[in-house]
Amino acid sequence: MIVLADGRRIEAEVGVVMVEIGDRKAASTVADCDEPLLGVESLETLGLAVDPTTGSLKPTRSFTVRLGGVSMASATTGR
């Protein structure tokens, strides 16, 4: 059972996929349901948010992928 943002409850299969928006890519939980959904969890993981005045995506922070507590930026740049 999944609760949608509008309060509706639906039955859906849940899984994990890689989401890529622009140069940002991360694993995210998704639900297999009748309409495509990209939830706030996915956007937060990517460091993005919807600007309510324009409807466009805006960065909320710089984006760095972490694997096992090791920053990929640190591993590739030596910083």
N, C-alpha and C. Protein backbone atom coordinates (compact mmCIF):
# COMPACT_ATOMS: atom_id res chain seq x y z
N MET A 1 0.85 -1.18 0.00
CA MET A 1 0.00 0.00 0.00
C MET A 1 0.90 1.24 0.00
N ILE A 2 0.60 2.16 -0.89
CA ILE A 2 1.36 3.41 -0.99
C ILE A 2 0.40 4.57 -0.78
N VAL A 3 0.82 5.58 -0.02
CA VAL A 3 0.02 6.79 0.18
C VAL A 3 0.60 7.87 -0.73
N LEU A 4 -0.24 8.39 -1.63
CA LEU A 4 0.18 9.45 -2.55
C LEU A 4 0.11 10.81 -1.85
N ALA A 5 0.71 11.81 -2.48
CA ALA A 5 0.76 13.15 -1.90
C ALA A 5 -0.64 13.72 -1.65
N ASP A 6 -1.62 13.32 -2.47
CA ASP A 6 -2.98 13.83 -2.29
C ASP A 6 -3.79 13.02 -1.27
N GLY A 7 -3.13 12.03 -0.61
CA GLY A 7 -3.78 11.25 0.42
C GLY A 7 -4.38 9.94 -0.05
N ARG A 8 -4.48 9.75 -1.38
CA ARG A 8 -5.02 8.49 -1.89
C ARG A 8 -4.09 7.33 -1.55
N ARG A 9 -4.67 6.17 -1.30
CA ARG A 9 -3.90 4.95 -1.04
C ARG A 9 -4.09 4.03 -2.23
N ILE A 10 -2.97 3.51 -2.75
CA ILE A 10 -3.04 2.60 -3.89
C ILE A 10 -2.17 1.37 -3.63
N GLU A 11 -2.53 0.27 -4.27
CA GLU A 11 -1.70 -0.93 -4.24
C GLU A 11 -0.72 -0.83 -5.39
N ALA A 12 0.56 -1.08 -5.15
CA ALA A 12 1.56 -0.99 -6.21
C ALA A 12 2.79 -1.80 -5.84
N GLU A 13 3.44 -2.34 -6.85
CA GLU A 13 4.73 -2.99 -6.66
C GLU A 13 5.78 -1.89 -6.47
N VAL A 14 6.78 -2.15 -5.65
CA VAL A 14 7.82 -1.16 -5.38
C VAL A 14 9.18 -1.75 -5.75
N GLY A 15 10.05 -0.93 -6.33
CA GLY A 15 11.38 -1.38 -6.69
C GLY A 15 12.37 -0.23 -6.66
N VAL A 16 13.59 -0.51 -7.07
CA VAL A 16 14.64 0.51 -7.10
C VAL A 16 15.16 0.64 -8.53
N VAL A 17 15.31 1.87 -8.99
CA VAL A 17 15.83 2.15 -10.33
C VAL A 17 16.88 3.25 -10.24
N MET A 18 17.65 3.41 -11.29
CA MET A 18 18.57 4.55 -11.40
C MET A 18 17.82 5.68 -12.09
N VAL A 19 17.82 6.85 -11.48
CA VAL A 19 17.18 8.03 -12.05
C VAL A 19 18.28 8.98 -12.49
N GLU A 20 18.16 9.50 -13.70
CA GLU A 20 19.15 10.44 -14.22
C GLU A 20 18.44 11.68 -14.74
N ILE A 21 18.80 12.82 -14.21
CA ILE A 21 18.27 14.11 -14.67
C ILE A 21 19.47 15.00 -14.88
N GLY A 22 19.68 15.41 -16.13
CA GLY A 22 20.86 16.20 -16.45
C GLY A 22 22.11 15.42 -16.15
N ASP A 23 23.04 16.01 -15.40
CA ASP A 23 24.29 15.33 -15.05
C ASP A 23 24.21 14.65 -13.68
N ARG A 24 23.01 14.55 -13.12
CA ARG A 24 22.82 13.93 -11.80
C ARG A 24 22.19 12.55 -11.97
N LYS A 25 22.70 11.57 -11.24
CA LYS A 25 22.22 10.20 -11.34
C LYS A 25 22.28 9.55 -9.97
N ALA A 26 21.19 8.87 -9.56
CA ALA A 26 21.16 8.22 -8.25
C ALA A 26 20.09 7.14 -8.23
N ALA A 27 20.22 6.20 -7.32
CA ALA A 27 19.21 5.17 -7.12
C ALA A 27 18.01 5.78 -6.40
N SER A 28 16.81 5.31 -6.77
CA SER A 28 15.61 5.82 -6.15
C SER A 28 14.54 4.74 -6.09
N THR A 29 13.68 4.81 -5.09
CA THR A 29 12.56 3.90 -4.97
C THR A 29 11.44 4.36 -5.90
N VAL A 30 10.84 3.41 -6.62
CA VAL A 30 9.73 3.75 -7.51
C VAL A 30 8.57 2.78 -7.28
N ALA A 31 7.38 3.23 -7.65
CA ALA A 31 6.18 2.41 -7.56
C ALA A 31 5.65 2.16 -8.97
N ASP A 32 5.27 0.92 -9.25
CA ASP A 32 4.68 0.56 -10.53
C ASP A 32 3.18 0.78 -10.42
N CYS A 33 2.69 1.90 -10.97
CA CYS A 33 1.28 2.22 -10.88
C CYS A 33 0.79 2.79 -12.22
N ASP A 34 -0.47 3.18 -12.29
CA ASP A 34 -1.09 3.61 -13.54
C ASP A 34 -0.50 4.88 -14.13
N GLU A 35 -0.03 5.78 -13.30
CA GLU A 35 0.51 7.04 -13.81
C GLU A 35 1.96 7.20 -13.36
N PRO A 36 2.81 7.75 -14.25
CA PRO A 36 4.22 7.91 -13.86
C PRO A 36 4.37 8.92 -12.73
N LEU A 37 5.21 8.58 -11.76
CA LEU A 37 5.43 9.44 -10.60
C LEU A 37 6.92 9.64 -10.38
N LEU A 38 7.32 10.85 -10.12
CA LEU A 38 8.67 11.13 -9.66
C LEU A 38 8.49 11.87 -8.35
N GLY A 39 8.78 11.18 -7.26
CA GLY A 39 8.50 11.74 -5.95
C GLY A 39 9.59 12.65 -5.43
N VAL A 40 9.26 13.32 -4.34
CA VAL A 40 10.18 14.25 -3.71
C VAL A 40 11.44 13.53 -3.23
N GLU A 41 11.32 12.26 -2.84
CA GLU A 41 12.49 11.51 -2.39
C GLU A 41 13.54 11.43 -3.51
N SER A 42 13.09 11.15 -4.72
CA SER A 42 14.02 11.08 -5.87
C SER A 42 14.67 12.42 -6.11
N LEU A 43 13.88 13.48 -6.09
CA LEU A 43 14.43 14.82 -6.34
C LEU A 43 15.41 15.21 -5.24
N GLU A 44 15.09 14.93 -3.98
CA GLU A 44 15.99 15.26 -2.88
C GLU A 44 17.30 14.49 -3.00
N THR A 45 17.22 13.22 -3.39
CA THR A 45 18.43 12.42 -3.57
C THR A 45 19.33 13.04 -4.63
N LEU A 46 18.72 13.60 -5.67
CA LEU A 46 19.47 14.23 -6.76
C LEU A 46 19.86 15.67 -6.44
N GLY A 47 19.42 16.19 -5.29
CA GLY A 47 19.73 17.57 -4.94
C GLY A 47 18.95 18.56 -5.78
N LEU A 48 17.69 18.21 -6.09
CA LEU A 48 16.84 19.07 -6.92
C LEU A 48 15.51 19.34 -6.22
N ALA A 49 14.84 20.41 -6.63
CA ALA A 49 13.50 20.72 -6.14
C ALA A 49 12.76 21.43 -7.27
N VAL A 50 11.43 21.35 -7.24
CA VAL A 50 10.61 22.05 -8.23
C VAL A 50 10.40 23.48 -7.76
N ASP A 51 10.71 24.44 -8.62
CA ASP A 51 10.44 25.85 -8.33
C ASP A 51 8.94 26.05 -8.58
N PRO A 52 8.16 26.35 -7.54
CA PRO A 52 6.71 26.46 -7.72
C PRO A 52 6.27 27.62 -8.60
N THR A 53 7.12 28.61 -8.77
CA THR A 53 6.74 29.75 -9.61
C THR A 53 6.93 29.49 -11.09
N THR A 54 7.88 28.59 -11.43
CA THR A 54 8.15 28.32 -12.85
C THR A 54 7.85 26.87 -13.25
N GLY A 55 7.77 25.97 -12.26
CA GLY A 55 7.56 24.56 -12.56
C GLY A 55 8.83 23.86 -13.03
N SER A 56 9.94 24.57 -13.00
CA SER A 56 11.21 23.98 -13.45
C SER A 56 11.99 23.43 -12.26
N LEU A 57 12.97 22.56 -12.57
CA LEU A 57 13.82 22.00 -11.52
C LEU A 57 14.97 22.93 -11.22
N LYS A 58 15.25 23.10 -9.94
CA LYS A 58 16.35 23.95 -9.48
C LYS A 58 17.23 23.15 -8.52
N PRO A 59 18.56 23.32 -8.60
CA PRO A 59 19.44 22.64 -7.64
C PRO A 59 19.22 23.19 -6.23
N THR A 60 19.24 22.28 -5.25
CA THR A 60 19.12 22.71 -3.86
C THR A 60 20.48 22.67 -3.17
N ARG A 61 21.42 21.98 -3.79
CA ARG A 61 22.78 21.84 -3.25
C ARG A 61 23.65 21.30 -4.36
N SER A 62 24.95 21.29 -4.13
CA SER A 62 25.83 20.64 -5.09
C SER A 62 25.57 19.14 -5.00
N PHE A 63 25.87 18.42 -6.05
CA PHE A 63 25.56 17.00 -6.11
C PHE A 63 26.82 16.18 -6.08
N THR A 64 26.94 15.27 -5.12
CA THR A 64 28.06 14.35 -5.01
C THR A 64 27.51 12.98 -4.69
N VAL A 65 27.88 11.99 -5.46
CA VAL A 65 27.44 10.62 -5.21
C VAL A 65 28.27 10.04 -4.09
N ARG A 66 27.62 9.39 -3.13
CA ARG A 66 28.32 8.73 -2.04
C ARG A 66 28.09 7.22 -2.14
N LEU A 67 29.17 6.48 -2.05
CA LEU A 67 29.10 5.02 -2.03
C LEU A 67 29.83 4.54 -0.79
N GLY A 68 29.11 3.92 0.11
CA GLY A 68 29.73 3.40 1.32
C GLY A 68 30.44 4.47 2.13
N GLY A 69 29.93 5.69 2.11
CA GLY A 69 30.53 6.77 2.87
C GLY A 69 31.74 7.40 2.21
N VAL A 70 32.08 6.96 1.00
CA VAL A 70 33.20 7.55 0.27
C VAL A 70 32.65 8.44 -0.82
N SER A 71 33.01 9.67 -0.81
CA SER A 71 32.54 10.61 -1.82
C SER A 71 33.20 10.30 -3.15
N MET A 72 32.40 10.15 -4.21
CA MET A 72 32.94 9.90 -5.54
C MET A 72 33.77 11.10 -6.02
N ALA A 73 33.35 12.30 -5.65
CA ALA A 73 34.12 13.48 -6.02
C ALA A 73 35.50 13.41 -5.39
N SER A 74 35.57 13.00 -4.14
CA SER A 74 36.86 12.87 -3.47
C SER A 74 37.71 11.78 -4.10
N ALA A 75 37.07 10.66 -4.44
CA ALA A 75 37.81 9.54 -4.99
C ALA A 75 38.39 9.85 -6.37
N THR A 76 37.68 10.67 -7.15
CA THR A 76 38.15 10.92 -8.52
C THR A 76 39.07 12.14 -8.62
N THR A 77 38.95 13.06 -7.68
CA THR A 77 39.78 14.27 -7.75
C THR A 77 40.92 14.27 -6.73
N GLY A 78 40.86 13.32 -5.80
CA GLY A 78 41.90 13.24 -4.78
C GLY A 78 41.73 14.26 -3.67
N ARG A 79 40.55 14.91 -3.60
CA ARG A 79 40.30 15.91 -2.55
C ARG A 79 39.52 15.33 -1.42
